[in-house]
Each structure stands twice: as structure tokens, then as C-alpha cells.
Amino acid sequence: MPSAIEQIVDTYVRLKNRRGLDELMMHRQRLAVDLKSRSGYDFNLPIGQIDEEIAIIEAGLSRLKAENSKTV
């Protein structure tokens, strides 16, 4: 079963919503930067999850780009 982020990205790609994917990416990147700058607690697990989500979003952006180049 796909994760929530995979389902969201798939929906954005299907709807050709580049802006939604870009906003999702920026949000995850801000979260990663924020968590990486903190100390006093081990944030490796959430940082790893966010990095995985960023990779899923990047793959979605690549799929959207490939689909857009096919239709042009």
C-alpha cells in the first residue's frame, strides 16, 4: 500500500499540479533545515523520513516533467 505522501504526489502528477508539488517540496525542505539546525534531541528518524518524502516528491516532479514533454 502506497504511503500518504506517495498518494498525494501521484494525485498532483495526475492533475498536472506543478505548483502543488513545488509547495510540497518547499515545505519538506524547510522542515528538514529546521530539524537539522536543532540540538538536544536525536532528530535522525524524522529527518530520514523527510528526506525520503523529498525523494518521492522529486520523482513526482520528474514524472510530471516527462509527461509534459510528451504532450508538447
C-alpha atoms as a PDB file:
ATOM      1  CA  MET A   1       0.000   0.000   0.000  1.00  0.00           C
ATOM      2  CA  PRO A   2       1.450   3.378  -1.008  1.00  0.00           C
ATOM      3  CA  SER A   3       2.253   5.874   1.710  1.00  0.00           C
ATOM      4  CA  ALA A   4       0.248   9.058   2.131  1.00  0.00           C
ATOM      5  CA  ILE A   5       2.944  11.177   0.504  1.00  0.00           C
ATOM      6  CA  GLU A   6       3.080   8.812  -2.488  1.00  0.00           C
ATOM      7  CA  GLN A   7      -0.679   9.100  -2.925  1.00  0.00           C
ATOM      8  CA  ILE A   8      -0.545  12.888  -2.663  1.00  0.00           C
ATOM      9  CA  VAL A   9       2.293  13.128  -5.182  1.00  0.00           C
ATOM     10  CA  ASP A  10       0.523  10.723  -7.568  1.00  0.00           C
ATOM     11  CA  THR A  11      -2.609  12.867  -7.379  1.00  0.00           C
ATOM     12  CA  TYR A  12      -0.659  16.066  -8.082  1.00  0.00           C
ATOM     13  CA  VAL A  13       1.054  14.412 -11.045  1.00  0.00           C
ATOM     14  CA  ARG A  14      -2.251  13.079 -12.391  1.00  0.00           C
ATOM     15  CA  LEU A  15      -3.791  16.566 -12.080  1.00  0.00           C
ATOM     16  CA  LYS A  16      -0.635  18.148 -13.549  1.00  0.00           C
ATOM     17  CA  ASN A  17      -0.377  20.363 -10.458  1.00  0.00           C
ATOM     18  CA  ARG A  18       3.249  21.531 -10.597  1.00  0.00           C
ATOM     19  CA  ARG A  19       2.586  24.323  -8.118  1.00  0.00           C
ATOM     20  CA  GLY A  20       1.251  21.880  -5.533  1.00  0.00           C
ATOM     21  CA  LEU A  21       4.337  19.696  -5.906  1.00  0.00           C
ATOM     22  CA  ASP A  22       6.635  22.708  -5.641  1.00  0.00           C
ATOM     23  CA  GLU A  23       4.891  23.882  -2.468  1.00  0.00           C
ATOM     24  CA  LEU A  24       5.047  20.379  -1.001  1.00  0.00           C
ATOM     25  CA  MET A  25       8.776  20.262  -1.783  1.00  0.00           C
ATOM     26  CA  MET A  26       9.462  23.670  -0.241  1.00  0.00           C
ATOM     27  CA  HIS A  27       7.582  22.710   2.911  1.00  0.00           C
ATOM     28  CA  ARG A  28       9.552  19.491   3.335  1.00  0.00           C
ATOM     29  CA  GLN A  29      12.829  21.278   2.662  1.00  0.00           C
ATOM     30  CA  ARG A  30      12.032  23.905   5.315  1.00  0.00           C
ATOM     31  CA  LEU A  31      11.190  21.138   7.787  1.00  0.00           C
ATOM     32  CA  ALA A  32      14.476  19.378   7.057  1.00  0.00           C
ATOM     33  CA  VAL A  33      16.512  22.557   7.502  1.00  0.00           C
ATOM     34  CA  ASP A  34      14.693  23.350  10.742  1.00  0.00           C
ATOM     35  CA  LEU A  35      15.210  19.878  12.201  1.00  0.00           C
ATOM     36  CA  LYS A  36      18.860  19.744  11.141  1.00  0.00           C
ATOM     37  CA  SER A  37      19.542  23.036  12.921  1.00  0.00           C
ATOM     38  CA  ARG A  38      18.141  21.839  16.258  1.00  0.00           C
ATOM     39  CA  SER A  39      20.087  20.155  19.010  1.00  0.00           C
ATOM     40  CA  GLY A  40      19.319  18.412  22.274  1.00  0.00           C
ATOM     41  CA  TYR A  41      17.340  15.573  20.725  1.00  0.00           C
ATOM     42  CA  ASP A  42      18.047  12.921  18.112  1.00  0.00           C
ATOM     43  CA  PHE A  43      16.099  14.019  15.034  1.00  0.00           C
ATOM     44  CA  ASN A  44      17.640  11.402  12.715  1.00  0.00           C
ATOM     45  CA  LEU A  45      14.414   9.411  12.297  1.00  0.00           C
ATOM     46  CA  PRO A  46      12.171  12.343  11.271  1.00  0.00           C
ATOM     47  CA  ILE A  47      14.957  13.810   9.131  1.00  0.00           C
ATOM     48  CA  GLY A  48      15.268  10.437   7.363  1.00  0.00           C
ATOM     49  CA  GLN A  49      11.515  10.348   6.747  1.00  0.00           C
ATOM     50  CA  ILE A  50      11.536  13.875   5.372  1.00  0.00           C
ATOM     51  CA  ASP A  51      14.482  13.025   3.101  1.00  0.00           C
ATOM     52  CA  GLU A  52      12.509  10.016   1.786  1.00  0.00           C
ATOM     53  CA  GLU A  53       9.495  12.243   1.164  1.00  0.00           C
ATOM     54  CA  ILE A  54      11.671  14.757  -0.683  1.00  0.00           C
ATOM     55  CA  ALA A  55      12.929  11.929  -2.919  1.00  0.00           C
ATOM     56  CA  ILE A  56       9.318  10.875  -3.639  1.00  0.00           C
ATOM     57  CA  ILE A  57       8.372  14.459  -4.499  1.00  0.00           C
ATOM     58  CA  GLU A  58      11.437  14.810  -6.753  1.00  0.00           C
ATOM     59  CA  ALA A  59      10.399  11.619  -8.569  1.00  0.00           C
ATOM     60  CA  GLY A  60       6.901  13.066  -8.985  1.00  0.00           C
ATOM     61  CA  LEU A  61       8.313  16.285 -10.418  1.00  0.00           C
ATOM     62  CA  SER A  62      10.385  14.238 -12.869  1.00  0.00           C
ATOM     63  CA  ARG A  63       7.306  12.244 -13.917  1.00  0.00           C
ATOM     64  CA  LEU A  64       5.334  15.447 -14.397  1.00  0.00           C
ATOM     65  CA  LYS A  65       8.138  16.945 -16.459  1.00  0.00           C
ATOM     66  CA  ALA A  66       8.324  13.795 -18.615  1.00  0.00           C
ATOM     67  CA  GLU A  67       4.555  13.794 -19.140  1.00  0.00           C
ATOM     68  CA  ASN A  68       4.570  17.472 -20.074  1.00  0.00           C
ATOM     69  CA  SER A  69       7.348  16.963 -22.626  1.00  0.00           C
ATOM     70  CA  LYS A  70       5.342  14.104 -24.218  1.00  0.00           C
ATOM     71  CA  THR A  71       2.264  16.282 -24.698  1.00  0.00           C
ATOM     72  CA  VAL A  72       4.145  19.220 -26.237  1.00  0.00           C
END
